[in-house]
């Protein structure tokens, strides 16, 4: 079993990052490269929970998302072709006095078969940089999307005046 810890400070609020994390619409792969659109299937979606299958490159998992706590999002793997046991992701958000947000992510990979065990070892060693880059890219993509929405909104407000 591999446990990978990642950290990033962002200008996003926790709610803005959670909005991106829980956007299961088309184009999700632009925010999360490891979530290819052809794998994406939303089984259930409510105000603070979702049951979603996603993946890429021949690896998929069904995840239960829980974002009922505004400072914590827990993704629990409920089924997968490679992950089992304690697998999942935990996102913790801490607002800072300067208005930024620290995002801590803990990724647990517990292989349920040979392929999963090998992938878990790879991710826990040389693959950590791949996960780190993917996480950082997701933060940047959500920042860009959020900033573009605010720019469009601000432009519309000026036009109306």
Foldseek 3Di string as FASTA:
>chain_A
DAKFKEKDKFLDDLVLLVVLVPPQDPPNCQLFVQFDNVQWDWPDDDPFWTWIWGGDDPWIFTWIWGCVDSFKIWTATPDIPWFDDRFTKMWGWDADPVNMIMIMMMGDQDTPDPVSVVVRVCCRPVVVVVVRVSVVSNSVSSVVVVVVVVVVVVVVVVVVD
